[in-house]
């Protein structure tokens, strides 16, 4: 049984794209192109996306609609990417994030 979300409350109906490889903390993983990064990670058993800065507590998917910061990760070198609403692409480098960093001038949103 596939545990993926069929209809996302913000992104709508999820169509399976082609099976692709992406990297989580340097480890190759597979997911479907276009599905939210968080969905691909969850399907691979990854539940922790970041750790809080002060108490180093694990955080993962909470709202799944892009409103909180629990699922933020470093994606292709950019911090604070909300993985619950960001589509997966082949070759993406997804990394566990430590804390939530303030955006600096010149950072892309």
PDB file of N, CA and C in Angstrom:
ATOM      1  N   UNK A   1       0.842  -1.196   0.000  1.00  0.00           N
ATOM      2  CA  UNK A   1       0.000   0.000   0.000  1.00  0.00           C
ATOM      3  C   UNK A   1       0.876   1.245   0.000  1.00  0.00           C
ATOM      4  N   UNK A   2       0.565   2.211  -0.849  1.00  0.00           N
ATOM      5  CA  UNK A   2       1.319   3.449  -0.937  1.00  0.00           C
ATOM      6  C   UNK A   2       0.732   4.449   0.045  1.00  0.00           C
ATOM      7  N   UNK A   3       1.559   4.970   0.952  1.00  0.00           N
ATOM      8  CA  UNK A   3       1.104   5.883   1.990  1.00  0.00           C
ATOM      9  C   UNK A   3       1.136   7.346   1.549  1.00  0.00           C
ATOM     10  N   UNK A   4       1.284   7.587   0.274  1.00  0.00           N
ATOM     11  CA  UNK A   4       1.365   8.967  -0.196  1.00  0.00           C
ATOM     12  C   UNK A   4      -0.007   9.634  -0.197  1.00  0.00           C
ATOM     13  N   UNK A   5       0.026  10.965  -0.087  1.00  0.00           N
ATOM     14  CA  UNK A   5      -1.188  11.766  -0.083  1.00  0.00           C
ATOM     15  C   UNK A   5      -1.728  11.835  -1.514  1.00  0.00           C
ATOM     16  N   UNK A   6      -3.012  11.523  -1.695  1.00  0.00           N
ATOM     17  CA  UNK A   6      -3.625  11.563  -3.030  1.00  0.00           C
ATOM     18  C   UNK A   6      -4.133  12.970  -3.362  1.00  0.00           C
ATOM     19  N   UNK A   7      -4.704  13.655  -2.368  1.00  0.00           N
ATOM     20  CA  UNK A   7      -5.207  15.019  -2.559  1.00  0.00           C
ATOM     21  C   UNK A   7      -4.663  15.886  -1.438  1.00  0.00           C
ATOM     22  N   UNK A   8      -3.832  16.862  -1.782  1.00  0.00           N
ATOM     23  CA  UNK A   8      -3.225  17.766  -0.811  1.00  0.00           C
ATOM     24  C   UNK A   8      -4.145  18.976  -0.647  1.00  0.00           C
ATOM     25  N   UNK A   9      -4.360  19.462   0.589  1.00  0.00           N
ATOM     26  CA  UNK A   9      -5.293  20.581   0.789  1.00  0.00           C
ATOM     27  C   UNK A   9      -4.884  21.889   0.112  1.00  0.00           C
ATOM     28  N   UNK A  10      -3.618  22.082  -0.183  1.00  0.00           N
ATOM     29  CA  UNK A  10      -3.148  23.302  -0.844  1.00  0.00           C
ATOM     30  C   UNK A  10      -2.757  23.028  -2.296  1.00  0.00           C
ATOM     31  N   UNK A  11      -2.046  21.941  -2.530  1.00  0.00           N
ATOM     32  CA  UNK A  11      -1.526  21.640  -3.863  1.00  0.00           C
ATOM     33  C   UNK A  11      -2.514  20.911  -4.764  1.00  0.00           C
ATOM     34  N   UNK A  12      -3.603  20.410  -4.188  1.00  0.00           N
ATOM     35  CA  UNK A  12      -4.625  19.721  -4.970  1.00  0.00           C
ATOM     36  C   UNK A  12      -4.294  18.259  -5.207  1.00  0.00           C
ATOM     37  N   UNK A  13      -4.882  17.702  -6.264  1.00  0.00           N
ATOM     38  CA  UNK A  13      -4.693  16.286  -6.593  1.00  0.00           C
ATOM     39  C   UNK A  13      -3.244  16.039  -6.994  1.00  0.00           C
ATOM     40  N   UNK A  14      -2.659  15.008  -6.426  1.00  0.00           N
ATOM     41  CA  UNK A  14      -1.263  14.668  -6.691  1.00  0.00           C
ATOM     42  C   UNK A  14      -1.162  13.574  -7.740  1.00  0.00           C
ATOM     43  N   UNK A  15      -0.586  13.896  -8.865  1.00  0.00           N
ATOM     44  CA  UNK A  15      -0.336  12.921  -9.923  1.00  0.00           C
ATOM     45  C   UNK A  15       1.079  12.410  -9.755  1.00  0.00           C
ATOM     46  N   UNK A  16       1.267  11.100  -9.886  1.00  0.00           N
ATOM     47  CA  UNK A  16       2.613  10.542  -9.774  1.00  0.00           C
ATOM     48  C   UNK A  16       3.407  10.880 -11.016  1.00  0.00           C
ATOM     49  N   UNK A  17       4.553  11.509 -10.814  1.00  0.00           N
ATOM     50  CA  UNK A  17       5.478  11.762 -11.900  1.00  0.00           C
ATOM     51  C   UNK A  17       6.378  10.550 -12.074  1.00  0.00           C
ATOM     52  N   UNK A  18       7.440  10.728 -12.803  1.00  0.00           N
ATOM     53  CA  UNK A  18       8.371   9.606 -13.003  1.00  0.00           C
ATOM     54  C   UNK A  18       9.205   9.392 -11.743  1.00  0.00           C
ATOM     55  N   UNK A  19       9.642   8.175 -11.533  1.00  0.00           N
ATOM     56  CA  UNK A  19      10.475   7.842 -10.389  1.00  0.00           C
ATOM     57  C   UNK A  19      11.865   8.430 -10.613  1.00  0.00           C
ATOM     58  N   UNK A  20      12.343   9.202  -9.634  1.00  0.00           N
ATOM     59  CA  UNK A  20      13.628   9.896  -9.762  1.00  0.00           C
ATOM     60  C   UNK A  20      14.491   9.663  -8.524  1.00  0.00           C
ATOM     61  N   UNK A  21      15.751  10.023  -8.638  1.00  0.00           N
ATOM     62  CA  UNK A  21      16.674   9.952  -7.508  1.00  0.00           C
ATOM     63  C   UNK A  21      16.939  11.357  -7.006  1.00  0.00           C
ATOM     64  N   UNK A  22      16.905  11.510  -5.667  1.00  0.00           N
ATOM     65  CA  UNK A  22      17.308  12.738  -5.002  1.00  0.00           C
ATOM     66  C   UNK A  22      18.215  12.320  -3.856  1.00  0.00           C
ATOM     67  N   UNK A  23      18.793  13.276  -3.148  1.00  0.00           N
ATOM     68  CA  UNK A  23      19.747  12.953  -2.093  1.00  0.00           C
ATOM     69  C   UNK A  23      19.322  13.590  -0.778  1.00  0.00           C
ATOM     70  N   UNK A  24      19.277  12.772   0.267  1.00  0.00           N
ATOM     71  CA  UNK A  24      18.961  13.251   1.613  1.00  0.00           C
ATOM     72  C   UNK A  24      20.198  13.058   2.472  1.00  0.00           C
ATOM     73  N   UNK A  25      20.762  14.173   2.934  1.00  0.00           N
ATOM     74  CA  UNK A  25      22.001  14.154   3.715  1.00  0.00           C
ATOM     75  C   UNK A  25      23.059  13.285   3.037  1.00  0.00           C
ATOM     76  N   UNK A  26      23.128  13.401   1.709  1.00  0.00           N
ATOM     77  CA  UNK A  26      24.125  12.708   0.912  1.00  0.00           C
ATOM     78  C   UNK A  26      23.759  11.295   0.488  1.00  0.00           C
ATOM     79  N   UNK A  27      22.680  10.762   1.037  1.00  0.00           N
ATOM     80  CA  UNK A  27      22.260   9.394   0.718  1.00  0.00           C
ATOM     81  C   UNK A  27      21.248   9.407  -0.423  1.00  0.00           C
ATOM     82  N   UNK A  28      21.457   8.596  -1.477  1.00  0.00           N
ATOM     83  CA  UNK A  28      20.490   8.576  -2.574  1.00  0.00           C
ATOM     84  C   UNK A  28      19.161   7.952  -2.137  1.00  0.00           C
ATOM     85  N   UNK A  29      18.085   8.570  -2.566  1.00  0.00           N
ATOM     86  CA  UNK A  29      16.728   8.092  -2.281  1.00  0.00           C
ATOM     87  C   UNK A  29      15.904   8.253  -3.544  1.00  0.00           C
ATOM     88  N   UNK A  30      14.753   7.599  -3.568  1.00  0.00           N
ATOM     89  CA  UNK A  30      13.873   7.736  -4.720  1.00  0.00           C
ATOM     90  C   UNK A  30      12.532   8.318  -4.304  1.00  0.00           C
ATOM     91  N   UNK A  31      11.955   9.074  -5.218  1.00  0.00           N
ATOM     92  CA  UNK A  31      10.636   9.655  -5.030  1.00  0.00           C
ATOM     93  C   UNK A  31      10.050   9.935  -6.399  1.00  0.00           C
ATOM     94  N   UNK A  32       8.850  10.468  -6.405  1.00  0.00           N
ATOM     95  CA  UNK A  32       8.189  10.778  -7.675  1.00  0.00           C
ATOM     96  C   UNK A  32       8.316  12.268  -7.983  1.00  0.00           C
ATOM     97  N   UNK A  33       8.774  12.553  -9.167  1.00  0.00           N
ATOM     98  CA  UNK A  33       8.958  13.935  -9.597  1.00  0.00           C
ATOM     99  C   UNK A  33       7.675  14.723  -9.402  1.00  0.00           C
ATOM    100  N   UNK A  34       7.791  15.892  -8.785  1.00  0.00           N
ATOM    101  CA  UNK A  34       6.649  16.779  -8.591  1.00  0.00           C
ATOM    102  C   UNK A  34       5.926  16.613  -7.270  1.00  0.00           C
ATOM    103  N   UNK A  35       6.118  15.473  -6.583  1.00  0.00           N
ATOM    104  CA  UNK A  35       5.461  15.318  -5.285  1.00  0.00           C
ATOM    105  C   UNK A  35       6.200  16.190  -4.268  1.00  0.00           C
ATOM    106  N   UNK A  36       5.523  16.617  -3.188  1.00  0.00           N
ATOM    107  CA  UNK A  36       6.223  17.406  -2.178  1.00  0.00           C
ATOM    108  C   UNK A  36       7.430  16.631  -1.631  1.00  0.00           C
ATOM    109  N   UNK A  37       8.531  17.340  -1.410  1.00  0.00           N
ATOM    110  CA  UNK A  37       9.736  16.716  -0.873  1.00  0.00           C
ATOM    111  C   UNK A  37       9.408  15.942   0.405  1.00  0.00           C
ATOM    112  N   UNK A  38       8.605  16.541   1.289  1.00  0.00           N
ATOM    113  CA  UNK A  38       8.254  15.896   2.555  1.00  0.00           C
ATOM    114  C   UNK A  38       7.558  14.557   2.332  1.00  0.00           C
ATOM    115  N   UNK A  39       6.752  14.458   1.297  1.00  0.00           N
ATOM    116  CA  UNK A  39       6.039  13.216   0.994  1.00  0.00           C
ATOM    117  C   UNK A  39       7.038  12.129   0.588  1.00  0.00           C
ATOM    118  N   UNK A  40       8.001  12.484  -0.242  1.00  0.00           N
ATOM    119  CA  UNK A  40       9.016  11.526  -0.673  1.00  0.00           C
ATOM    120  C   UNK A  40       9.854  11.066   0.515  1.00  0.00           C
ATOM    121  N   UNK A  41      10.200  11.993   1.393  1.00  0.00           N
ATOM    122  CA  UNK A  41      10.984  11.638   2.579  1.00  0.00           C
ATOM    123  C   UNK A  41      10.197  10.712   3.499  1.00  0.00           C
ATOM    124  N   UNK A  42       8.936  11.041   3.740  1.00  0.00           N
ATOM    125  CA  UNK A  42       8.101  10.208   4.613  1.00  0.00           C
ATOM    126  C   UNK A  42       7.968   8.797   4.051  1.00  0.00           C
ATOM    127  N   UNK A  43       7.804   8.687   2.745  1.00  0.00           N
ATOM    128  CA  UNK A  43       7.685   7.371   2.108  1.00  0.00           C
ATOM    129  C   UNK A  43       8.964   6.549   2.278  1.00  0.00           C
ATOM    130  N   UNK A  44      10.095   7.231   2.479  1.00  0.00           N
ATOM    131  CA  UNK A  44      11.384   6.559   2.693  1.00  0.00           C
ATOM    132  C   UNK A  44      11.682   6.370   4.189  1.00  0.00           C
ATOM    133  N   UNK A  45      10.725   6.766   5.052  1.00  0.00           N
ATOM    134  CA  UNK A  45      10.892   6.579   6.490  1.00  0.00           C
ATOM    135  C   UNK A  45      11.557   7.729   7.216  1.00  0.00           C
ATOM    136  N   UNK A  46      11.799   8.840   6.524  1.00  0.00           N
ATOM    137  CA  UNK A  46      12.433  10.001   7.153  1.00  0.00           C
ATOM    138  C   UNK A  46      11.345  10.860   7.810  1.00  0.00           C
ATOM    139  N   UNK A  47      11.412  10.977   9.119  1.00  0.00           N
ATOM    140  CA  UNK A  47      10.401  11.738   9.846  1.00  0.00           C
ATOM    141  C   UNK A  47      10.948  13.056  10.420  1.00  0.00           C
ATOM    142  N   UNK A  48      12.258  13.179  10.566  1.00  0.00           N
ATOM    143  CA  UNK A  48      12.871  14.388  11.126  1.00  0.00           C
ATOM    144  C   UNK A  48      13.445  15.224   9.992  1.00  0.00           C
ATOM    145  N   UNK A  49      13.000  16.479   9.924  1.00  0.00           N
ATOM    146  CA  UNK A  49      13.458  17.395   8.881  1.00  0.00           C
ATOM    147  C   UNK A  49      14.433  18.425   9.419  1.00  0.00           C
ATOM    148  N   UNK A  50      14.265  18.784  10.664  1.00  0.00           N
ATOM    149  CA  UNK A  50      15.154  19.768  11.273  1.00  0.00           C
ATOM    150  C   UNK A  50      15.203  19.534  12.770  1.00  0.00           C
ATOM    151  N   UNK A  51      16.146  20.227  13.421  1.00  0.00           N
ATOM    152  CA  UNK A  51      16.261  20.219  14.879  1.00  0.00           C
ATOM    153  C   UNK A  51      16.192  21.657  15.357  1.00  0.00           C
ATOM    154  N   UNK A  52      15.529  21.876  16.501  1.00  0.00           N
ATOM    155  CA  UNK A  52      15.436  23.231  17.035  1.00  0.00           C
ATOM    156  C   UNK A  52      16.815  23.700  17.468  1.00  0.00           C
ATOM    157  N   UNK A  53      17.003  24.998  17.418  1.00  0.00           N
ATOM    158  CA  UNK A  53      18.297  25.594  17.695  1.00  0.00           C
ATOM    159  C   UNK A  53      18.702  25.479  19.165  1.00  0.00           C
ATOM    160  N   UNK A  54      17.820  25.857  20.081  1.00  0.00           N
ATOM    161  CA  UNK A  54      18.188  25.916  21.498  1.00  0.00           C
ATOM    162  C   UNK A  54      18.218  24.554  22.175  1.00  0.00           C
ATOM    163  N   UNK A  55      17.194  23.736  21.946  1.00  0.00           N
ATOM    164  CA  UNK A  55      17.093  22.476  22.682  1.00  0.00           C
ATOM    165  C   UNK A  55      17.348  21.243  21.811  1.00  0.00           C
ATOM    166  N   UNK A  56      17.673  21.453  20.571  1.00  0.00           N
ATOM    167  CA  UNK A  56      18.001  20.370  19.639  1.00  0.00           C
ATOM    168  C   UNK A  56      16.893  19.297  19.586  1.00  0.00           C
ATOM    169  N   UNK A  57      15.640  19.767  19.562  1.00  0.00           N
ATOM    170  CA  UNK A  57      14.499  18.854  19.478  1.00  0.00           C
ATOM    171  C   UNK A  57      14.140  18.602  18.020  1.00  0.00           C
ATOM    172  N   UNK A  58      13.789  17.368  17.676  1.00  0.00           N
ATOM    173  CA  UNK A  58      13.449  17.047  16.282  1.00  0.00           C
ATOM    174  C   UNK A  58      12.102  17.627  15.868  1.00  0.00           C
ATOM    175  N   UNK A  59      12.019  18.018  14.617  1.00  0.00           N
ATOM    176  CA  UNK A  59      10.775  18.506  14.036  1.00  0.00           C
ATOM    177  C   UNK A  59      10.591  17.843  12.674  1.00  0.00           C
ATOM    178  N   UNK A  60       9.333  17.653  12.298  1.00  0.00           N
ATOM    179  CA  UNK A  60       9.005  17.061  11.006  1.00  0.00           C
ATOM    180  C   UNK A  60       7.738  17.698  10.477  1.00  0.00           C
ATOM    181  N   UNK A  61       6.971  16.957   9.730  1.00  0.00           N
ATOM    182  CA  UNK A  61       5.735  17.492   9.166  1.00  0.00           C
ATOM    183  C   UNK A  61       4.755  17.805  10.292  1.00  0.00           C
ATOM    184  N   UNK A  62       4.183  19.008  10.277  1.00  0.00           N
ATOM    185  CA  UNK A  62       3.178  19.377  11.262  1.00  0.00           C
ATOM    186  C   UNK A  62       1.905  19.824  10.555  1.00  0.00           C
ATOM    187  N   UNK A  63       1.954  20.950   9.858  1.00  0.00           N
ATOM    188  CA  UNK A  63       0.734  21.461   9.224  1.00  0.00           C
ATOM    189  C   UNK A  63       0.542  20.913   7.807  1.00  0.00           C
ATOM    190  N   UNK A  64       1.623  20.629   7.123  1.00  0.00           N
ATOM    191  CA  UNK A  64       1.619  20.094   5.748  1.00  0.00           C
ATOM    192  C   UNK A  64       0.975  21.027   4.726  1.00  0.00           C
ATOM    193  N   UNK A  65       0.850  22.311   5.058  1.00  0.00           N
ATOM    194  CA  UNK A  65       0.284  23.274   4.105  1.00  0.00           C
ATOM    195  C   UNK A  65       1.148  24.528   3.948  1.00  0.00           C
ATOM    196  N   UNK A  66       2.382  24.479   4.445  1.00  0.00           N
ATOM    197  CA  UNK A  66       3.308  25.589   4.245  1.00  0.00           C
ATOM    198  C   UNK A  66       3.158  26.765   5.178  1.00  0.00           C
ATOM    199  N   UNK A  67       2.446  26.600   6.294  1.00  0.00           N
ATOM    200  CA  UNK A  67       2.206  27.717   7.207  1.00  0.00           C
ATOM    201  C   UNK A  67       3.177  27.767   8.390  1.00  0.00           C
ATOM    202  N   UNK A  68       3.715  26.616   8.793  1.00  0.00           N
ATOM    203  CA  UNK A  68       4.633  26.602   9.932  1.00  0.00           C
ATOM    204  C   UNK A  68       6.059  26.414   9.421  1.00  0.00           C
ATOM    205  N   UNK A  69       7.006  26.226  10.318  1.00  0.00           N
ATOM    206  CA  UNK A  69       8.398  26.021   9.908  1.00  0.00           C
ATOM    207  C   UNK A  69       8.931  24.656  10.343  1.00  0.00           C
ATOM    208  N   UNK A  70       8.058  23.752  10.736  1.00  0.00           N
ATOM    209  CA  UNK A  70       8.546  22.465  11.234  1.00  0.00           C
ATOM    210  C   UNK A  70       9.207  21.614  10.149  1.00  0.00           C
ATOM    211  N   UNK A  71       8.809  21.737   8.909  1.00  0.00           N
ATOM    212  CA  UNK A  71       9.359  20.890   7.839  1.00  0.00           C
ATOM    213  C   UNK A  71      10.461  21.566   7.045  1.00  0.00           C
ATOM    214  N   UNK A  72      10.931  22.748   7.478  1.00  0.00           N
ATOM    215  CA  UNK A  72      11.950  23.428   6.676  1.00  0.00           C
ATOM    216  C   UNK A  72      13.255  22.645   6.663  1.00  0.00           C
ATOM    217  N   UNK A  73      13.884  22.666   5.502  1.00  0.00           N
ATOM    218  CA  UNK A  73      15.159  21.969   5.305  1.00  0.00           C
ATOM    219  C   UNK A  73      16.029  22.800   4.376  1.00  0.00           C
ATOM    220  N   UNK A  74      17.277  22.402   4.259  1.00  0.00           N
ATOM    221  CA  UNK A  74      18.181  23.027   3.299  1.00  0.00           C
ATOM    222  C   UNK A  74      18.037  22.245   1.995  1.00  0.00           C
ATOM    223  N   UNK A  75      17.604  22.931   0.944  1.00  0.00           N
ATOM    224  CA  UNK A  75      17.375  22.286  -0.353  1.00  0.00           C
ATOM    225  C   UNK A  75      18.257  22.970  -1.399  1.00  0.00           C
ATOM    226  N   UNK A  76      19.105  22.187  -2.015  1.00  0.00           N
ATOM    227  CA  UNK A  76      20.059  22.704  -2.998  1.00  0.00           C
ATOM    228  C   UNK A  76      20.818  23.914  -2.459  1.00  0.00           C
ATOM    229  N   UNK A  77      21.213  23.819  -1.181  1.00  0.00           N
ATOM    230  CA  UNK A  77      22.020  24.857  -0.546  1.00  0.00           C
ATOM    231  C   UNK A  77      21.249  26.031   0.031  1.00  0.00           C
ATOM    232  N   UNK A  78      19.922  26.055  -0.127  1.00  0.00           N
ATOM    233  CA  UNK A  78      19.100  27.165   0.375  1.00  0.00           C
ATOM    234  C   UNK A  78      18.360  26.728   1.641  1.00  0.00           C
ATOM    235  N   UNK A  79      18.560  27.443   2.758  1.00  0.00           N
ATOM    236  CA  UNK A  79      17.861  27.078   3.998  1.00  0.00           C
ATOM    237  C   UNK A  79      16.402  27.528   3.983  1.00  0.00           C
ATOM    238  N   UNK A  80      15.643  27.002   4.929  1.00  0.00           N
ATOM    239  CA  UNK A  80      14.255  27.428   5.189  1.00  0.00           C
ATOM    240  C   UNK A  80      13.273  27.085   4.080  1.00  0.00           C
ATOM    241  N   UNK A  81      13.522  26.016   3.353  1.00  0.00           N
ATOM    242  CA  UNK A  81      12.600  25.606   2.291  1.00  0.00           C
ATOM    243  C   UNK A  81      11.515  24.741   2.918  1.00  0.00           C
ATOM    244  N   UNK A  82      10.257  25.138   2.737  1.00  0.00           N
ATOM    245  CA  UNK A  82       9.119  24.381   3.281  1.00  0.00           C
ATOM    246  C   UNK A  82       8.896  23.151   2.392  1.00  0.00           C
ATOM    247  N   UNK A  83       9.343  22.022   2.890  1.00  0.00           N
ATOM    248  CA  UNK A  83       9.346  20.804   2.078  1.00  0.00           C
ATOM    249  C   UNK A  83       7.966  20.212   1.872  1.00  0.00           C
ATOM    250  N   UNK A  84       6.990  20.636   2.658  1.00  0.00           N
ATOM    251  CA  UNK A  84       5.635  20.087   2.500  1.00  0.00           C
ATOM    252  C   UNK A  84       4.932  20.630   1.261  1.00  0.00           C
ATOM    253  N   UNK A  85       5.429  21.732   0.704  1.00  0.00           N
ATOM    254  CA  UNK A  85       4.794  22.326  -0.478  1.00  0.00           C
ATOM    255  C   UNK A  85       5.781  22.548  -1.631  1.00  0.00           C
ATOM    256  N   UNK A  86       7.015  22.082  -1.483  1.00  0.00           N
ATOM    257  CA  UNK A  86       8.025  22.257  -2.526  1.00  0.00           C
ATOM    258  C   UNK A  86       8.141  20.978  -3.346  1.00  0.00           C
ATOM    259  N   UNK A  87       7.946  21.069  -4.673  1.00  0.00           N
ATOM    260  CA  UNK A  87       7.991  19.881  -5.519  1.00  0.00           C
ATOM    261  C   UNK A  87       9.390  19.277  -5.632  1.00  0.00           C
ATOM    262  N   UNK A  88       9.431  17.960  -5.634  1.00  0.00           N
ATOM    263  CA  UNK A  88      10.672  17.207  -5.767  1.00  0.00           C
ATOM    264  C   UNK A  88      11.147  17.227  -7.220  1.00  0.00           C
ATOM    265  N   UNK A  89      12.456  17.396  -7.397  1.00  0.00           N
ATOM    266  CA  UNK A  89      13.074  17.364  -8.723  1.00  0.00           C
ATOM    267  C   UNK A  89      14.249  16.405  -8.692  1.00  0.00           C
ATOM    268  N   UNK A  90      14.550  15.823  -9.824  1.00  0.00           N
ATOM    269  CA  UNK A  90      15.671  14.886  -9.940  1.00  0.00           C
ATOM    270  C   UNK A  90      16.973  15.560  -9.508  1.00  0.00           C
ATOM    271  N   UNK A  91      17.762  14.838  -8.720  1.00  0.00           N
ATOM    272  CA  UNK A  91      19.071  15.324  -8.306  1.00  0.00           C
ATOM    273  C   UNK A  91      19.081  16.298  -7.153  1.00  0.00           C
ATOM    274  N   UNK A  92      17.908  16.659  -6.617  1.00  0.00           N
ATOM    275  CA  UNK A  92      17.858  17.604  -5.501  1.00  0.00           C
ATOM    276  C   UNK A  92      18.723  17.124  -4.343  1.00  0.00           C
ATOM    277  N   UNK A  93      19.384  18.085  -3.689  1.00  0.00           N
ATOM    278  CA  UNK A  93      20.179  17.823  -2.494  1.00  0.00           C
ATOM    279  C   UNK A  93      19.378  18.366  -1.315  1.00  0.00           C
ATOM    280  N   UNK A  94      18.844  17.473  -0.496  1.00  0.00           N
ATOM    281  CA  UNK A  94      18.006  17.835   0.644  1.00  0.00           C
ATOM    282  C   UNK A  94      18.783  17.503   1.910  1.00  0.00           C
ATOM    283  N   UNK A  95      18.891  18.491   2.818  1.00  0.00           N
ATOM    284  CA  UNK A  95      19.680  18.286   4.031  1.00  0.00           C
ATOM    285  C   UNK A  95      18.886  18.656   5.277  1.00  0.00           C
ATOM    286  N   UNK A  96      19.155  17.918   6.349  1.00  0.00           N
ATOM    287  CA  UNK A  96      18.575  18.242   7.647  1.00  0.00           C
ATOM    288  C   UNK A  96      19.016  19.650   8.022  1.00  0.00           C
ATOM    289  N   UNK A  97      18.092  20.420   8.579  1.00  0.00           N
ATOM    290  CA  UNK A  97      18.399  21.791   8.979  1.00  0.00           C
ATOM    291  C   UNK A  97      18.476  21.864  10.496  1.00  0.00           C
ATOM    292  N   UNK A  98      19.363  22.706  10.985  1.00  0.00           N
ATOM    293  CA  UNK A  98      19.523  22.912  12.424  1.00  0.00           C
ATOM    294  C   UNK A  98      19.090  24.326  12.749  1.00  0.00           C
ATOM    295  N   UNK A  99      17.941  24.449  13.447  1.00  0.00           N
ATOM    296  CA  UNK A  99      17.353  25.757  13.730  1.00  0.00           C
ATOM    297  C   UNK A  99      16.610  26.280  12.515  1.00  0.00           C
ATOM    298  N   UNK A 100      16.090  27.484  12.636  1.00  0.00           N
ATOM    299  CA  UNK A 100      15.465  28.188  11.510  1.00  0.00           C
ATOM    300  C   UNK A 100      16.263  29.450  11.347  1.00  0.00           C
ATOM    301  N   UNK A 101      16.885  29.606  10.216  1.00  0.00           N
ATOM    302  CA  UNK A 101      17.775  30.744   9.986  1.00  0.00           C
ATOM    303  C   UNK A 101      17.017  31.922   9.411  1.00  0.00           C
ATOM    304  N   UNK A 102      17.437  33.109   9.824  1.00  0.00           N
ATOM    305  CA  UNK A 102      16.869  34.332   9.261  1.00  0.00           C
ATOM    306  C   UNK A 102      17.349  34.477   7.827  1.00  0.00           C
ATOM    307  N   UNK A 103      16.474  34.974   6.961  1.00  0.00           N
ATOM    308  CA  UNK A 103      16.862  35.210   5.572  1.00  0.00           C
ATOM    309  C   UNK A 103      17.833  36.389   5.528  1.00  0.00           C
ATOM    310  N   UNK A 104      18.872  36.269   4.736  1.00  0.00           N
ATOM    311  CA  UNK A 104      19.827  37.329   4.556  1.00  0.00           C
ATOM    312  C   UNK A 104      19.569  38.018   3.228  1.00  0.00           C
ATOM    313  N   UNK A 105      20.029  39.250   3.102  1.00  0.00           N
ATOM    314  CA  UNK A 105      19.883  39.963   1.837  1.00  0.00           C
ATOM    315  C   UNK A 105      20.548  39.140   0.727  1.00  0.00           C
ATOM    316  N   UNK A 106      19.836  38.946  -0.361  1.00  0.00           N
ATOM    317  CA  UNK A 106      20.352  38.196  -1.481  1.00  0.00           C
ATOM    318  C   UNK A 106      19.885  36.746  -1.500  1.00  0.00           C
ATOM    319  N   UNK A 107      19.360  36.247  -0.346  1.00  0.00           N
ATOM    320  CA  UNK A 107      18.813  34.875  -0.318  1.00  0.00           C
ATOM    321  C   UNK A 107      17.545  34.825  -1.148  1.00  0.00           C
ATOM    322  N   UNK A 108      17.345  33.722  -1.816  1.00  0.00           N
ATOM    323  CA  UNK A 108      16.114  33.537  -2.571  1.00  0.00           C
ATOM    324  C   UNK A 108      15.044  32.960  -1.670  1.00  0.00           C
ATOM    325  N   UNK A 109      13.817  33.365  -1.894  1.00  0.00           N
ATOM    326  CA  UNK A 109      12.700  32.849  -1.100  1.00  0.00           C
ATOM    327  C   UNK A 109      12.154  31.608  -1.721  1.00  0.00           C
TER     328      UNK A 109
END
